[in-house]
């Protein structure tokens, strides 16, 4: 479990879960690589996963009623988000 010590240092994993719970989560992780400009999920969809950014940056973009895209947030390595 190469990421155990890193995840334990994050607020989300370090303060909420016990070592046994973190081990369970890590044992059930699946690494998925996305290429640049990939869409992980779209506005209005209900995502089914917890995403952990291991390397790189993710940008949350929202479209308005006129079809204009607005950047809401950029998240980088080891920023955790519930999705």
Protein backbone atom coordinates (compact mmCIF):
# COMPACT_ATOMS: atom_id res chain seq x y z
CA UNK A 1 0.00 0.00 0.00
CA UNK A 2 2.31 2.75 -1.20
CA UNK A 3 -0.22 5.55 -0.66
CA UNK A 4 -1.23 4.61 2.91
CA UNK A 5 1.14 7.02 4.66
CA UNK A 6 0.24 9.86 2.30
CA UNK A 7 -3.51 9.34 2.64
CA UNK A 8 -3.16 9.13 6.42
CA UNK A 9 -1.72 12.67 6.38
CA UNK A 10 -4.73 14.15 4.59
CA UNK A 11 -7.53 15.71 6.60
CA UNK A 12 -10.15 13.50 4.98
CA UNK A 13 -8.43 10.17 5.55
CA UNK A 14 -6.37 11.05 8.61
CA UNK A 15 -9.10 12.37 10.88
CA UNK A 16 -12.17 10.41 9.87
CA UNK A 17 -11.08 6.82 9.29
CA UNK A 18 -9.29 4.34 11.53
CA UNK A 19 -6.22 2.43 10.28
CA UNK A 20 -8.44 -0.61 9.58
CA UNK A 21 -10.91 1.49 7.60
CA UNK A 22 -8.12 3.14 5.61
CA UNK A 23 -6.65 -0.29 4.87
CA UNK A 24 -10.05 -1.48 3.62
CA UNK A 25 -10.39 1.58 1.36
CA UNK A 26 -6.87 1.19 0.00
CA UNK A 27 -7.38 -2.53 -0.62
CA UNK A 28 -10.39 -1.65 -2.79
CA UNK A 29 -8.90 1.22 -4.77
CA UNK A 30 -8.71 0.99 -8.52
CA UNK A 31 -6.28 3.23 -10.38
CA UNK A 32 -7.64 4.79 -13.54
CA UNK A 33 -5.54 7.05 -15.73
CA UNK A 34 -7.15 9.83 -17.73
CA UNK A 35 -5.48 11.67 -20.59
CA UNK A 36 -5.39 15.47 -20.73
CA UNK A 37 -8.76 17.08 -21.53
CA UNK A 38 -10.71 13.92 -20.65
CA UNK A 39 -14.18 14.32 -19.19
CA UNK A 40 -14.40 12.29 -15.98
CA UNK A 41 -18.09 13.04 -15.47
CA UNK A 42 -20.47 15.66 -16.82
CA UNK A 43 -22.63 18.30 -15.22
CA UNK A 44 -25.91 16.80 -14.03
CA UNK A 45 -24.55 13.25 -13.74
CA UNK A 46 -24.44 11.60 -10.35
CA UNK A 47 -20.91 10.20 -10.05
CA UNK A 48 -20.53 6.76 -8.49
CA UNK A 49 -16.98 7.04 -7.18
CA UNK A 50 -14.62 8.81 -4.84
CA UNK A 51 -11.84 10.35 -6.90
CA UNK A 52 -8.34 10.84 -5.53
CA UNK A 53 -5.94 12.83 -7.67
CA UNK A 54 -2.59 11.05 -7.52
CA UNK A 55 -0.81 13.11 -10.15
CA UNK A 56 -2.00 16.05 -12.21
CA UNK A 57 -4.79 18.58 -12.08
CA UNK A 58 -8.56 18.40 -12.48
CA UNK A 59 -10.70 21.39 -13.38
CA UNK A 60 -14.37 21.61 -12.44
CA UNK A 61 -16.26 23.40 -15.19
CA UNK A 62 -19.91 24.43 -15.19
CA UNK A 63 -21.95 25.55 -18.18
CA UNK A 64 -24.60 28.21 -17.83
CA UNK A 65 -27.97 28.42 -19.61
CA UNK A 66 -26.32 30.25 -22.53
CA UNK A 67 -23.77 27.48 -23.01
CA UNK A 68 -20.87 29.49 -21.60
CA UNK A 69 -18.34 27.46 -19.61
CA UNK A 70 -17.11 28.72 -16.25
CA UNK A 71 -14.17 27.30 -14.33
CA UNK A 72 -15.30 26.68 -10.74
CA UNK A 73 -12.21 25.12 -9.21
CA UNK A 74 -8.89 23.46 -10.01
CA UNK A 75 -7.69 20.60 -7.82
CA UNK A 76 -4.25 19.03 -7.85
CA UNK A 77 -2.30 16.05 -6.53
CA UNK A 78 -3.70 14.39 -3.39
CA UNK A 79 -6.72 16.64 -3.10
CA UNK A 80 -9.60 14.39 -2.17
CA UNK A 81 -13.17 14.94 -3.23
CA UNK A 82 -16.34 13.02 -2.71
CA UNK A 83 -18.12 12.46 -5.96
